[in-house]
Amino acid sequence: MRHISATDAAKEFHRFLGLVEHGQTVQIRKHGRAVARLIPDRDFMSGENAAAIFRDYHAESADRAAANAIASELAKLDRDFENELAH
């Protein structure tokens, strides 16, 4: 998770929104205290659904390793999202 000041968030909102658009969470701090988070909107597809795309994929070991890495990242995103909601 990236941590930024409220001032930087206001000055460069478009840049941080771009990070969020690509899956990162951005925590906004005011006077050093966390006050908000920008988190990706995952309504387009859950990590579980995206991982399912690769679940039955059979190919050479290099491709399988790539598919497993993608599935692992998607599962991590789902866990991060659930943790964000819990806070």
Protein backbone atom coordinates (compact mmCIF):
# COMPACT_ATOMS: atom_id res chain seq x y z
CA MET A 1 0.00 0.00 0.00
CA ARG A 2 1.23 3.44 -0.88
CA HIS A 3 1.05 6.26 1.71
CA ILE A 4 0.62 9.87 0.62
CA SER A 5 -0.15 13.18 2.26
CA ALA A 6 -3.50 14.88 1.74
CA THR A 7 -1.62 17.75 0.08
CA ASP A 8 0.02 15.42 -2.44
CA ALA A 9 -3.32 13.68 -3.04
CA ALA A 10 -4.92 17.00 -3.90
CA LYS A 11 -2.04 18.14 -6.12
CA GLU A 12 -1.62 14.88 -8.03
CA PHE A 13 -4.97 13.14 -7.72
CA HIS A 14 -4.87 11.95 -11.34
CA ARG A 15 -1.54 10.17 -10.75
CA PHE A 16 -2.76 8.34 -7.65
CA LEU A 17 -6.06 7.50 -9.29
CA GLY A 18 -4.00 5.86 -12.04
CA LEU A 19 -2.22 3.71 -9.44
CA VAL A 20 -5.55 2.65 -7.98
CA GLU A 21 -6.87 1.91 -11.45
CA HIS A 22 -3.98 -0.55 -11.83
CA GLY A 23 -4.73 -2.37 -8.58
CA GLN A 24 -2.83 -0.46 -5.92
CA THR A 25 -4.32 0.87 -2.69
CA VAL A 26 -3.37 4.40 -1.66
CA GLN A 27 -3.66 5.55 1.94
CA ILE A 28 -4.10 9.29 2.44
CA ARG A 29 -2.63 10.85 5.57
CA LYS A 30 -3.31 14.23 7.12
CA HIS A 31 -0.71 15.46 9.61
CA GLY A 32 0.71 11.93 9.65
CA ARG A 33 -2.60 10.27 10.58
CA ALA A 34 -4.41 7.96 8.16
CA VAL A 35 -7.73 9.53 7.15
CA ALA A 36 -8.77 7.79 3.92
CA ARG A 37 -7.93 5.10 1.39
CA LEU A 38 -8.39 4.89 -2.33
CA ILE A 39 -9.00 1.26 -3.22
CA PRO A 40 -9.60 -0.38 -6.59
CA ASP A 41 -13.20 -1.00 -7.59
CA ARG A 42 -13.31 -4.65 -8.51
CA ASP A 43 -16.88 -4.86 -9.73
CA PHE A 44 -15.62 -5.81 -13.19
CA MET A 45 -14.40 -9.26 -12.05
CA SER A 46 -13.47 -10.81 -8.73
CA GLY A 47 -10.02 -12.27 -8.24
CA GLU A 48 -11.63 -15.68 -7.84
CA ASN A 49 -13.37 -15.42 -11.21
CA ALA A 50 -10.23 -14.15 -12.90
CA ALA A 51 -8.16 -16.95 -11.33
CA ALA A 52 -10.71 -19.48 -12.59
CA ILE A 53 -9.81 -18.46 -16.12
CA PHE A 54 -6.34 -19.93 -15.55
CA ARG A 55 -7.35 -22.89 -13.35
CA ASP A 56 -7.81 -25.31 -16.24
CA TYR A 57 -5.06 -23.87 -18.41
CA HIS A 58 -2.62 -26.56 -19.59
CA ALA A 59 0.58 -25.54 -21.28
CA GLU A 60 4.32 -25.77 -20.98
CA SER A 61 5.81 -25.20 -17.52
CA ALA A 62 6.78 -21.59 -18.27
CA ASP A 63 3.20 -20.74 -19.19
CA ARG A 64 1.88 -22.67 -16.19
CA ALA A 65 4.23 -20.70 -13.91
CA ALA A 66 2.94 -17.45 -15.38
CA ALA A 67 -0.68 -18.53 -14.94
CA ASN A 68 0.01 -19.57 -11.34
CA ALA A 69 1.70 -16.24 -10.63
CA ILE A 70 -1.30 -14.36 -12.03
CA ALA A 71 -3.73 -16.49 -10.02
CA SER A 72 -1.66 -15.91 -6.89
CA GLU A 73 -1.68 -12.13 -7.43
CA LEU A 74 -5.42 -12.13 -8.00
CA ALA A 75 -5.97 -14.10 -4.79
CA LYS A 76 -3.77 -11.60 -2.95
CA LEU A 77 -5.84 -8.73 -4.35
CA ASP A 78 -9.00 -10.41 -3.07
CA ARG A 79 -7.44 -10.84 0.40
CA ASP A 80 -6.26 -7.21 0.41
CA PHE A 81 -9.74 -6.07 -0.61
CA GLU A 82 -11.36 -8.05 2.21
CA ASN A 83 -8.82 -6.59 4.67
CA GLU A 84 -9.57 -3.08 3.41
CA LEU A 85 -13.29 -3.62 3.98
CA ALA A 86 -12.61 -4.90 7.51
CA HIS A 87 -10.86 -1.65 8.42
